[in-house]
Amino acid sequence: MQKALGAETESRPSVGLGTDFRMESKKITGFALALDEKILHLSLFALDNGKGQGTAYSRMQRYSRRRQNRV
């Protein structure tokens, strides 16, 4: 959450109600949906460390790796 506070933020009206926020820094990327000055939804993701792996604190796998587990 601390890294999100320092991220570059861009806002636009959302497709429906509220405002869509996009956040990005060297360490994280994410988005949020806000309505009436309240955050309704927030998603933050650690960025790849440049070696094809997530950072040490990230449990999220890349899509190509998750796709290999499909049945």
C-alpha atoms as a PDB file:
ATOM      1  CA  MET A   1       0.000   0.000   0.000  1.00  0.00           C
ATOM      2  CA  GLN A   2       2.874   2.387   0.752  1.00  0.00           C
ATOM      3  CA  LYS A   3       4.288   1.896  -2.760  1.00  0.00           C
ATOM      4  CA  ALA A   4       0.864   2.722  -4.227  1.00  0.00           C
ATOM      5  CA  LEU A   5       0.861   6.097  -2.481  1.00  0.00           C
ATOM      6  CA  GLY A   6       4.044   7.050  -4.360  1.00  0.00           C
ATOM      7  CA  ALA A   7       2.895   5.693  -7.733  1.00  0.00           C
ATOM      8  CA  GLU A   8       2.101   7.886 -10.711  1.00  0.00           C
ATOM      9  CA  THR A   9      -1.690   8.094 -11.007  1.00  0.00           C
ATOM     10  CA  GLU A  10      -3.943   8.838 -13.944  1.00  0.00           C
ATOM     11  CA  SER A  11      -7.710   9.270 -13.557  1.00  0.00           C
ATOM     12  CA  ARG A  12     -10.597   9.166 -16.022  1.00  0.00           C
ATOM     13  CA  PRO A  13     -14.363   8.883 -15.815  1.00  0.00           C
ATOM     14  CA  SER A  14     -15.276   5.197 -15.700  1.00  0.00           C
ATOM     15  CA  VAL A  15     -17.504   3.493 -18.241  1.00  0.00           C
ATOM     16  CA  GLY A  16     -20.308   3.424 -15.667  1.00  0.00           C
ATOM     17  CA  LEU A  17     -20.423   5.413 -12.451  1.00  0.00           C
ATOM     18  CA  GLY A  18     -17.369   6.720 -10.641  1.00  0.00           C
ATOM     19  CA  THR A  19     -13.764   7.401 -11.562  1.00  0.00           C
ATOM     20  CA  ASP A  20     -11.198   4.930 -12.876  1.00  0.00           C
ATOM     21  CA  PHE A  21      -7.653   5.350 -11.495  1.00  0.00           C
ATOM     22  CA  ARG A  22      -4.553   3.731 -13.025  1.00  0.00           C
ATOM     23  CA  MET A  23      -1.380   3.551 -10.906  1.00  0.00           C
ATOM     24  CA  GLU A  24       2.156   2.654 -11.933  1.00  0.00           C
ATOM     25  CA  SER A  25       5.645   2.862 -10.470  1.00  0.00           C
ATOM     26  CA  LYS A  26       8.879   0.898 -10.864  1.00  0.00           C
ATOM     27  CA  LYS A  27       7.613  -1.664  -8.323  1.00  0.00           C
ATOM     28  CA  ILE A  28       3.828  -1.877  -8.777  1.00  0.00           C
ATOM     29  CA  THR A  29       0.986  -1.450 -11.230  1.00  0.00           C
ATOM     30  CA  GLY A  30      -2.709  -1.379 -10.479  1.00  0.00           C
ATOM     31  CA  PHE A  31      -6.103   0.215 -10.776  1.00  0.00           C
ATOM     32  CA  ALA A  32      -8.944   1.427  -8.599  1.00  0.00           C
ATOM     33  CA  LEU A  33     -12.575   2.388  -8.982  1.00  0.00           C
ATOM     34  CA  ALA A  34     -13.861   5.214  -6.798  1.00  0.00           C
ATOM     35  CA  LEU A  35     -17.318   6.696  -6.315  1.00  0.00           C
ATOM     36  CA  ASP A  36     -18.253   9.621  -4.071  1.00  0.00           C
ATOM     37  CA  GLU A  37     -14.642   9.877  -2.820  1.00  0.00           C
ATOM     38  CA  LYS A  38     -14.657   6.241  -1.611  1.00  0.00           C
ATOM     39  CA  ILE A  39     -12.617   3.402  -3.112  1.00  0.00           C
ATOM     40  CA  LEU A  40     -14.944   0.602  -4.230  1.00  0.00           C
ATOM     41  CA  HIS A  41     -12.307  -1.669  -5.779  1.00  0.00           C
ATOM     42  CA  LEU A  42      -8.494  -1.697  -5.693  1.00  0.00           C
ATOM     43  CA  SER A  43      -6.080  -4.113  -7.378  1.00  0.00           C
ATOM     44  CA  LEU A  44      -2.295  -3.820  -7.039  1.00  0.00           C
ATOM     45  CA  PHE A  45       0.317  -6.102  -8.595  1.00  0.00           C
ATOM     46  CA  ALA A  46       4.065  -6.364  -8.100  1.00  0.00           C
ATOM     47  CA  LEU A  47       5.953  -5.831 -11.349  1.00  0.00           C
ATOM     48  CA  ASP A  48       8.294  -8.422 -12.819  1.00  0.00           C
ATOM     49  CA  ASN A  49      11.870  -8.118 -11.552  1.00  0.00           C
ATOM     50  CA  GLY A  50      13.284  -8.392 -15.090  1.00  0.00           C
ATOM     51  CA  LYS A  51      14.317 -12.050 -14.763  1.00  0.00           C
ATOM     52  CA  GLY A  52      11.000 -13.593 -15.760  1.00  0.00           C
ATOM     53  CA  GLN A  53       9.977 -14.080 -12.138  1.00  0.00           C
ATOM     54  CA  GLY A  54       7.851 -12.070  -9.756  1.00  0.00           C
ATOM     55  CA  THR A  55       9.493 -10.285  -6.874  1.00  0.00           C
ATOM     56  CA  ALA A  56      10.279 -12.224  -3.694  1.00  0.00           C
ATOM     57  CA  TYR A  57       7.099 -11.035  -1.961  1.00  0.00           C
ATOM     58  CA  SER A  58       4.771 -11.719  -4.890  1.00  0.00           C
ATOM     59  CA  ARG A  59       2.846 -14.997  -5.128  1.00  0.00           C
ATOM     60  CA  MET A  60       1.314 -14.007  -8.461  1.00  0.00           C
ATOM     61  CA  GLN A  61       2.516 -15.963 -11.491  1.00  0.00           C
ATOM     62  CA  ARG A  62       2.666 -14.666 -15.041  1.00  0.00           C
ATOM     63  CA  TYR A  63      -0.264 -15.561 -17.280  1.00  0.00           C
ATOM     64  CA  SER A  64       1.888 -17.839 -19.468  1.00  0.00           C
ATOM     65  CA  ARG A  65       2.825 -19.914 -16.400  1.00  0.00           C
ATOM     66  CA  ARG A  66      -0.767 -20.097 -15.113  1.00  0.00           C
ATOM     67  CA  ARG A  67      -1.943 -21.137 -18.580  1.00  0.00           C
ATOM     68  CA  GLN A  68       0.298 -24.244 -18.400  1.00  0.00           C
ATOM     69  CA  ASN A  69      -1.775 -25.513 -15.447  1.00  0.00           C
ATOM     70  CA  ARG A  70      -5.027 -25.634 -17.408  1.00  0.00           C
ATOM     71  CA  VAL A  71      -6.756 -28.977 -17.777  1.00  0.00           C
END
